[in-house]
Amino acid sequence: MQNIEAVTGDRLRDMEAMLNTFQNISPALSPLLRVTMLNDYNDFVALIHDVIDQSVRYMMRNPQHHQNKREESLTDTLLQHFDALNIEARPETSVGGHCDIVIEHRAKGWLWLGEAKKHSNYEHLNGGMNQLLDRYAMADEGQDQGGLVIFIFNRKAAKVIQKWRKLVVNRDDCADTTDSPTRQKLSFFSHHPETDQTGLDFHVKHIGVPLYHAPDDKKPLPTPS
């Protein structure tokens, strides 16, 4: 009879090889496989960020479909990709109030909490940050990360995020901001130490969703100089 540990080791290596193969063949399949192999909260958060990035890209393909949507409807669209992963991603859920986004791994007790705002002015975004940090952020183990999703209908969304980052880093409750490894000009992280409820740190990913759509098909041909 084969050694049980050897068999287990072989199966884990086979699963890892299969995962790598599927990631190389189709990145769209990798989140579904990754759900079955989540080892810790950081893996869970990384998966959430990847799925949200994918959802953002799908929304950006057809911005004309999102121009008249309310924040709630935009959030529903953003979260649709989680349905196939068997991860609970619920809008408007009660966690210290009506939190816009609650993504939960019930078996592990992991939470990722988010606020979603249509960018109209920076005070509106700041209000979303206040809600997230003052009402919802528990900053307990396995529940100390979340996000602010910013639906941007202005031109040049990267400039909106750049200015917003400068405002965030000047908040009294922000220790620092850091670059995101993906979509670097359209997202970033902020670190908030000693949150009110637990006195522990909370980390926020700020996620820009560019949805500008104002085609100008009648723009005149420039006159030669």
C-alpha atoms as a PDB file:
ATOM      1  CA  MET A   1       0.000   0.000   0.000  1.00  0.00           C
ATOM      2  CA  GLN A   2       1.290   3.433  -0.922  1.00  0.00           C
ATOM      3  CA  ASN A   3       2.269   5.822   1.811  1.00  0.00           C
ATOM      4  CA  ILE A   4      -0.724   8.107   2.471  1.00  0.00           C
ATOM      5  CA  GLU A   5       1.449  11.223   2.793  1.00  0.00           C
ATOM      6  CA  ALA A   6       3.115  10.445  -0.532  1.00  0.00           C
ATOM      7  CA  VAL A   7      -0.263  10.042  -2.240  1.00  0.00           C
ATOM      8  CA  THR A   8      -1.513  13.308  -0.737  1.00  0.00           C
ATOM      9  CA  GLY A   9       1.644  15.088  -1.839  1.00  0.00           C
ATOM     10  CA  ASP A  10       1.276  13.718  -5.357  1.00  0.00           C
ATOM     11  CA  ARG A  11      -2.349  14.859  -5.547  1.00  0.00           C
ATOM     12  CA  LEU A  12      -1.472  18.360  -4.356  1.00  0.00           C
ATOM     13  CA  ARG A  13       1.272  18.595  -6.962  1.00  0.00           C
ATOM     14  CA  ASP A  14      -1.170  17.371  -9.625  1.00  0.00           C
ATOM     15  CA  MET A  15      -3.726  19.993  -8.568  1.00  0.00           C
ATOM     16  CA  GLU A  16      -1.093  22.726  -8.642  1.00  0.00           C
ATOM     17  CA  ALA A  17       0.046  21.642 -12.109  1.00  0.00           C
ATOM     18  CA  MET A  18      -3.566  21.579 -13.307  1.00  0.00           C
ATOM     19  CA  LEU A  19      -4.144  25.077 -11.919  1.00  0.00           C
ATOM     20  CA  ASN A  20      -1.063  26.413 -13.679  1.00  0.00           C
ATOM     21  CA  THR A  21      -2.151  24.766 -16.918  1.00  0.00           C
ATOM     22  CA  PHE A  22      -5.637  26.283 -16.794  1.00  0.00           C
ATOM     23  CA  GLN A  23      -4.241  29.710 -15.923  1.00  0.00           C
ATOM     24  CA  ASN A  24      -2.027  29.538 -18.997  1.00  0.00           C
ATOM     25  CA  ILE A  25      -4.854  28.350 -21.230  1.00  0.00           C
ATOM     26  CA  SER A  26      -7.647  30.606 -19.974  1.00  0.00           C
ATOM     27  CA  PRO A  27      -7.221  33.246 -17.263  1.00  0.00           C
ATOM     28  CA  ALA A  28     -11.022  33.429 -17.019  1.00  0.00           C
ATOM     29  CA  LEU A  29     -11.086  29.900 -15.582  1.00  0.00           C
ATOM     30  CA  SER A  30      -8.467  30.481 -12.910  1.00  0.00           C
ATOM     31  CA  PRO A  31     -10.716  32.241 -10.328  1.00  0.00           C
ATOM     32  CA  LEU A  32     -13.062  29.238 -10.233  1.00  0.00           C
ATOM     33  CA  LEU A  33     -10.144  26.913  -9.554  1.00  0.00           C
ATOM     34  CA  ARG A  34      -8.570  29.283  -7.045  1.00  0.00           C
ATOM     35  CA  VAL A  35     -11.745  29.268  -4.912  1.00  0.00           C
ATOM     36  CA  THR A  36     -11.197  25.581  -4.184  1.00  0.00           C
ATOM     37  CA  MET A  37      -7.596  26.200  -3.086  1.00  0.00           C
ATOM     38  CA  LEU A  38      -7.937  29.196  -0.775  1.00  0.00           C
ATOM     39  CA  ASN A  39      -5.532  28.777   2.140  1.00  0.00           C
ATOM     40  CA  ASP A  40      -5.796  32.059   3.997  1.00  0.00           C
ATOM     41  CA  TYR A  41      -7.477  35.435   4.098  1.00  0.00           C
ATOM     42  CA  ASN A  42      -4.853  37.096   1.897  1.00  0.00           C
ATOM     43  CA  ASP A  43      -5.575  34.557  -0.861  1.00  0.00           C
ATOM     44  CA  PHE A  44      -9.283  35.351  -0.501  1.00  0.00           C
ATOM     45  CA  VAL A  45      -8.649  39.115  -0.785  1.00  0.00           C
ATOM     46  CA  ALA A  46      -6.336  38.666  -3.788  1.00  0.00           C
ATOM     47  CA  LEU A  47      -9.047  36.642  -5.536  1.00  0.00           C
ATOM     48  CA  ILE A  48     -11.653  39.341  -4.800  1.00  0.00           C
ATOM     49  CA  HIS A  49      -9.406  42.030  -6.261  1.00  0.00           C
ATOM     50  CA  ASP A  50      -8.764  39.957  -9.406  1.00  0.00           C
ATOM     51  CA  VAL A  51     -12.475  39.260  -9.936  1.00  0.00           C
ATOM     52  CA  ILE A  52     -13.362  42.917  -9.433  1.00  0.00           C
ATOM     53  CA  ASP A  53     -10.659  43.926 -11.933  1.00  0.00           C
ATOM     54  CA  GLN A  54     -12.195  41.517 -14.417  1.00  0.00           C
ATOM     55  CA  SER A  55     -15.685  42.911 -13.762  1.00  0.00           C
ATOM     56  CA  VAL A  56     -14.424  46.464 -14.249  1.00  0.00           C
ATOM     57  CA  ARG A  57     -12.963  45.557 -17.631  1.00  0.00           C
ATOM     58  CA  TYR A  58     -16.268  44.038 -18.750  1.00  0.00           C
ATOM     59  CA  MET A  59     -18.137  47.179 -17.700  1.00  0.00           C
ATOM     60  CA  MET A  60     -15.636  49.374 -19.545  1.00  0.00           C
ATOM     61  CA  ARG A  61     -16.281  47.520 -22.813  1.00  0.00           C
ATOM     62  CA  ASN A  62     -19.797  48.962 -23.064  1.00  0.00           C
ATOM     63  CA  PRO A  63     -19.934  52.178 -21.045  1.00  0.00           C
ATOM     64  CA  GLN A  64     -23.008  53.294 -22.989  1.00  0.00           C
ATOM     65  CA  HIS A  65     -25.060  50.696 -21.093  1.00  0.00           C
ATOM     66  CA  HIS A  66     -24.259  52.202 -17.702  1.00  0.00           C
ATOM     67  CA  GLN A  67     -24.798  55.928 -18.204  1.00  0.00           C
ATOM     68  CA  ASN A  68     -28.181  56.219 -16.483  1.00  0.00           C
ATOM     69  CA  LYS A  69     -27.749  53.597 -13.785  1.00  0.00           C
ATOM     70  CA  ARG A  70     -27.958  54.374 -10.088  1.00  0.00           C
ATOM     71  CA  GLU A  71     -25.164  53.393  -7.685  1.00  0.00           C
ATOM     72  CA  GLU A  72     -27.089  50.312  -6.589  1.00  0.00           C
ATOM     73  CA  SER A  73     -27.516  49.031 -10.150  1.00  0.00           C
ATOM     74  CA  LEU A  74     -23.870  49.687 -11.004  1.00  0.00           C
ATOM     75  CA  THR A  75     -22.835  47.751  -7.906  1.00  0.00           C
ATOM     76  CA  ASP A  76     -25.083  44.822  -8.846  1.00  0.00           C
ATOM     77  CA  THR A  77     -23.413  44.690 -12.267  1.00  0.00           C
ATOM     78  CA  LEU A  78     -19.954  44.767 -10.717  1.00  0.00           C
ATOM     79  CA  LEU A  79     -20.739  41.834  -8.428  1.00  0.00           C
ATOM     80  CA  GLN A  80     -22.269  39.511 -11.045  1.00  0.00           C
ATOM     81  CA  HIS A  81     -18.970  37.731 -11.667  1.00  0.00           C
ATOM     82  CA  PHE A  82     -18.953  36.387  -8.116  1.00  0.00           C
ATOM     83  CA  ASP A  83     -22.127  34.330  -8.694  1.00  0.00           C
ATOM     84  CA  ALA A  84     -20.255  31.595 -10.558  1.00  0.00           C
ATOM     85  CA  LEU A  85     -17.590  31.316  -7.839  1.00  0.00           C
ATOM     86  CA  ASN A  86     -19.885  30.299  -4.977  1.00  0.00           C
ATOM     87  CA  ILE A  87     -18.700  33.328  -3.011  1.00  0.00           C
ATOM     88  CA  GLU A  88     -21.374  35.459  -1.401  1.00  0.00           C
ATOM     89  CA  ALA A  89     -21.153  38.996  -2.738  1.00  0.00           C
ATOM     90  CA  ARG A  90     -24.145  40.958  -1.538  1.00  0.00           C
ATOM     91  CA  PRO A  91     -25.065  44.605  -2.061  1.00  0.00           C
ATOM     92  CA  GLU A  92     -26.736  46.685   0.640  1.00  0.00           C
ATOM     93  CA  THR A  93     -26.178  44.233   3.496  1.00  0.00           C
ATOM     94  CA  SER A  94     -26.400  45.063   7.186  1.00  0.00           C
ATOM     95  CA  VAL A  95     -22.930  45.156   8.747  1.00  0.00           C
ATOM     96  CA  GLY A  96     -22.895  48.046  11.186  1.00  0.00           C
ATOM     97  CA  GLY A  97     -25.454  49.656   8.849  1.00  0.00           C
ATOM     98  CA  HIS A  98     -26.235  49.176   5.176  1.00  0.00           C
ATOM     99  CA  CYS A  99     -22.828  48.435   3.696  1.00  0.00           C
ATOM    100  CA  ASP A 100     -22.816  48.712  -0.118  1.00  0.00           C
ATOM    101  CA  ILE A 101     -20.723  45.573  -0.719  1.00  0.00           C
ATOM    102  CA  VAL A 102     -20.244  42.570   1.566  1.00  0.00           C
ATOM    103  CA  ILE A 103     -18.183  39.697   0.159  1.00  0.00           C
ATOM    104  CA  GLU A 104     -18.085  36.741   2.520  1.00  0.00           C
ATOM    105  CA  HIS A 105     -16.555  33.300   2.828  1.00  0.00           C
ATOM    106  CA  ARG A 106     -18.961  31.888   5.389  1.00  0.00           C
ATOM    107  CA  ALA A 107     -17.070  28.675   6.068  1.00  0.00           C
ATOM    108  CA  LYS A 108     -13.944  30.623   7.016  1.00  0.00           C
ATOM    109  CA  GLY A 109     -15.615  33.707   8.483  1.00  0.00           C
ATOM    110  CA  TRP A 110     -13.735  36.006   6.105  1.00  0.00           C
ATOM    111  CA  LEU A 111     -15.186  39.380   5.096  1.00  0.00           C
ATOM    112  CA  TRP A 112     -14.318  42.067   2.554  1.00  0.00           C
ATOM    113  CA  LEU A 113     -16.399  45.225   2.952  1.00  0.00           C
ATOM    114  CA  GLY A 114     -16.817  47.952   0.385  1.00  0.00           C
ATOM    115  CA  GLU A 115     -18.540  51.213  -0.422  1.00  0.00           C
ATOM    116  CA  ALA A 116     -19.471  52.125  -3.999  1.00  0.00           C
ATOM    117  CA  LYS A 117     -19.872  55.723  -5.164  1.00  0.00           C
ATOM    118  CA  LYS A 118     -20.607  57.516  -8.412  1.00  0.00           C
ATOM    119  CA  HIS A 119     -18.048  60.282  -8.635  1.00  0.00           C
ATOM    120  CA  SER A 120     -19.767  63.649  -8.619  1.00  0.00           C
ATOM    121  CA  ASN A 121     -17.377  65.469  -6.296  1.00  0.00           C
ATOM    122  CA  TYR A 122     -14.646  64.532  -3.847  1.00  0.00           C
ATOM    123  CA  GLU A 123     -16.803  65.257  -0.794  1.00  0.00           C
ATOM    124  CA  HIS A 124     -19.114  62.467  -1.953  1.00  0.00           C
ATOM    125  CA  LEU A 125     -16.159  60.077  -2.125  1.00  0.00           C
ATOM    126  CA  ASN A 126     -14.971  61.244   1.279  1.00  0.00           C
ATOM    127  CA  GLY A 127     -18.409  60.486   2.681  1.00  0.00           C
ATOM    128  CA  GLY A 128     -18.063  56.929   1.372  1.00  0.00           C
ATOM    129  CA  MET A 129     -14.708  56.607   3.106  1.00  0.00           C
ATOM    130  CA  ASN A 130     -16.178  57.879   6.357  1.00  0.00           C
ATOM    131  CA  GLN A 131     -18.982  55.331   6.142  1.00  0.00           C
ATOM    132  CA  LEU A 132     -16.573  52.490   5.438  1.00  0.00           C
ATOM    133  CA  LEU A 133     -14.109  53.340   8.204  1.00  0.00           C
ATOM    134  CA  ASP A 134     -16.439  54.683  10.889  1.00  0.00           C
ATOM    135  CA  ARG A 135     -19.485  52.421  10.498  1.00  0.00           C
ATOM    136  CA  TYR A 136     -18.456  49.152   8.864  1.00  0.00           C
ATOM    137  CA  ALA A 137     -14.741  48.435   9.257  1.00  0.00           C
ATOM    138  CA  MET A 138     -14.313  45.924  12.077  1.00  0.00           C
ATOM    139  CA  ALA A 139     -10.596  45.351  11.393  1.00  0.00           C
ATOM    140  CA  ASP A 140     -10.721  41.954  13.100  1.00  0.00           C
ATOM    141  CA  GLU A 141      -8.672  38.988  11.930  1.00  0.00           C
ATOM    142  CA  GLY A 142      -9.924  37.863   8.536  1.00  0.00           C
ATOM    143  CA  GLN A 143     -12.025  41.013   8.246  1.00  0.00           C
ATOM    144  CA  ASP A 144      -9.484  43.822   7.950  1.00  0.00           C
ATOM    145  CA  GLN A 145      -9.626  44.658   4.240  1.00  0.00           C
ATOM    146  CA  GLY A 146     -12.156  46.342   2.027  1.00  0.00           C
ATOM    147  CA  GLY A 147     -12.550  48.778  -0.800  1.00  0.00           C
ATOM    148  CA  LEU A 148     -13.979  51.980  -2.191  1.00  0.00           C
ATOM    149  CA  VAL A 149     -15.326  51.481  -5.715  1.00  0.00           C
ATOM    150  CA  ILE A 150     -15.510  54.726  -7.687  1.00  0.00           C
ATOM    151  CA  PHE A 151     -17.682  54.828 -10.811  1.00  0.00           C
ATOM    152  CA  ILE A 152     -16.219  57.635 -12.927  1.00  0.00           C
ATOM    153  CA  PHE A 153     -18.210  59.195 -15.757  1.00  0.00           C
ATOM    154  CA  ASN A 154     -15.776  62.092 -16.242  1.00  0.00           C
ATOM    155  CA  ARG A 155     -13.132  62.176 -18.930  1.00  0.00           C
ATOM    156  CA  LYS A 156      -9.635  60.985 -17.968  1.00  0.00           C
ATOM    157  CA  ALA A 157     -10.464  58.815 -14.970  1.00  0.00           C
ATOM    158  CA  ALA A 158      -6.796  58.414 -14.026  1.00  0.00           C
ATOM    159  CA  LYS A 159      -6.640  62.095 -13.119  1.00  0.00           C
ATOM    160  CA  VAL A 160      -9.648  61.665 -10.818  1.00  0.00           C
ATOM    161  CA  ILE A 161      -7.912  58.801  -9.010  1.00  0.00           C
ATOM    162  CA  GLN A 162      -4.630  60.723  -8.823  1.00  0.00           C
ATOM    163  CA  LYS A 163      -6.318  63.701  -7.146  1.00  0.00           C
ATOM    164  CA  TRP A 164      -8.363  61.451  -4.866  1.00  0.00           C
ATOM    165  CA  ARG A 165      -5.186  59.712  -3.681  1.00  0.00           C
ATOM    166  CA  LYS A 166      -3.672  63.052  -2.690  1.00  0.00           C
ATOM    167  CA  LEU A 167      -6.785  63.849  -0.653  1.00  0.00           C
ATOM    168  CA  VAL A 168      -6.861  60.416   1.027  1.00  0.00           C
ATOM    169  CA  VAL A 169      -3.239  60.561   2.173  1.00  0.00           C
ATOM    170  CA  ASN A 170      -4.015  63.857   3.951  1.00  0.00           C
ATOM    171  CA  ARG A 171      -6.835  62.347   6.031  1.00  0.00           C
ATOM    172  CA  ASP A 172      -6.074  62.189   9.744  1.00  0.00           C
ATOM    173  CA  ASP A 173      -6.850  58.449   9.816  1.00  0.00           C
ATOM    174  CA  CYS A 174      -4.567  57.514   6.887  1.00  0.00           C
ATOM    175  CA  ALA A 175      -1.010  56.367   7.595  1.00  0.00           C
ATOM    176  CA  ASP A 176       0.048  56.030   3.963  1.00  0.00           C
ATOM    177  CA  THR A 177      -0.965  54.956   0.466  1.00  0.00           C
ATOM    178  CA  THR A 178       0.712  52.374  -1.760  1.00  0.00           C
ATOM    179  CA  ASP A 179       0.524  51.423  -5.426  1.00  0.00           C
ATOM    180  CA  SER A 180      -1.696  48.610  -6.598  1.00  0.00           C
ATOM    181  CA  PRO A 181       0.107  45.806  -8.480  1.00  0.00           C
ATOM    182  CA  THR A 182      -2.607  45.978 -11.160  1.00  0.00           C
ATOM    183  CA  ARG A 183      -4.294  48.939 -12.861  1.00  0.00           C
ATOM    184  CA  GLN A 184      -1.748  51.200 -11.159  1.00  0.00           C
ATOM    185  CA  LYS A 185      -3.074  54.481 -12.565  1.00  0.00           C
ATOM    186  CA  LEU A 186      -6.659  53.605 -11.705  1.00  0.00           C
ATOM    187  CA  SER A 187      -6.339  52.066  -8.246  1.00  0.00           C
ATOM    188  CA  PHE A 188      -4.280  52.228  -5.059  1.00  0.00           C
ATOM    189  CA  PHE A 189      -4.263  51.091  -1.417  1.00  0.00           C
ATOM    190  CA  SER A 190      -4.585  53.119   1.772  1.00  0.00           C
ATOM    191  CA  HIS A 191      -3.641  52.017   5.293  1.00  0.00           C
ATOM    192  CA  HIS A 192      -5.725  53.124   8.291  1.00  0.00           C
ATOM    193  CA  PRO A 193      -4.306  52.252  11.731  1.00  0.00           C
ATOM    194  CA  GLU A 194      -6.224  51.908  14.984  1.00  0.00           C
ATOM    195  CA  THR A 195      -9.800  51.890  13.728  1.00  0.00           C
ATOM    196  CA  ASP A 196     -12.405  52.922  16.291  1.00  0.00           C
ATOM    197  CA  GLN A 197     -14.113  49.561  16.876  1.00  0.00           C
ATOM    198  CA  THR A 198     -11.079  47.352  17.530  1.00  0.00           C
ATOM    199  CA  GLY A 199      -8.080  49.672  17.537  1.00  0.00           C
ATOM    200  CA  LEU A 200      -6.604  47.490  14.781  1.00  0.00           C
ATOM    201  CA  ASP A 201      -5.543  48.351  11.230  1.00  0.00           C
ATOM    202  CA  PHE A 202      -7.810  48.376   8.190  1.00  0.00           C
ATOM    203  CA  HIS A 203      -6.676  48.391   4.544  1.00  0.00           C
ATOM    204  CA  VAL A 204      -8.701  49.896   1.695  1.00  0.00           C
ATOM    205  CA  LYS A 205      -8.306  49.343  -2.035  1.00  0.00           C
ATOM    206  CA  HIS A 206      -9.553  52.312  -4.059  1.00  0.00           C
ATOM    207  CA  ILE A 207     -10.868  51.057  -7.404  1.00  0.00           C
ATOM    208  CA  GLY A 208     -11.615  53.394 -10.301  1.00  0.00           C
ATOM    209  CA  VAL A 209     -14.222  52.262 -12.824  1.00  0.00           C
ATOM    210  CA  PRO A 210     -13.940  54.474 -15.955  1.00  0.00           C
ATOM    211  CA  LEU A 211     -17.340  54.754 -17.671  1.00  0.00           C
ATOM    212  CA  TYR A 212     -16.987  57.946 -19.719  1.00  0.00           C
ATOM    213  CA  HIS A 213     -19.050  57.827 -22.909  1.00  0.00           C
ATOM    214  CA  ALA A 214     -19.580  60.865 -25.119  1.00  0.00           C
ATOM    215  CA  PRO A 215     -18.795  59.912 -28.716  1.00  0.00           C
ATOM    216  CA  ASP A 216     -18.325  62.776 -31.119  1.00  0.00           C
ATOM    217  CA  ASP A 217     -18.863  61.320 -34.584  1.00  0.00           C
ATOM    218  CA  LYS A 218     -19.168  64.768 -36.160  1.00  0.00           C
ATOM    219  CA  LYS A 219     -15.794  66.115 -35.073  1.00  0.00           C
ATOM    220  CA  PRO A 220     -14.440  68.064 -38.087  1.00  0.00           C
ATOM    221  CA  LEU A 221     -11.277  67.114 -39.917  1.00  0.00           C
ATOM    222  CA  PRO A 222      -8.400  69.407 -38.860  1.00  0.00           C
ATOM    223  CA  THR A 223      -7.377  72.058 -41.384  1.00  0.00           C
ATOM    224  CA  PRO A 224      -3.848  71.476 -42.695  1.00  0.00           C
ATOM    225  CA  SER A 225      -1.360  74.077 -41.465  1.00  0.00           C
END
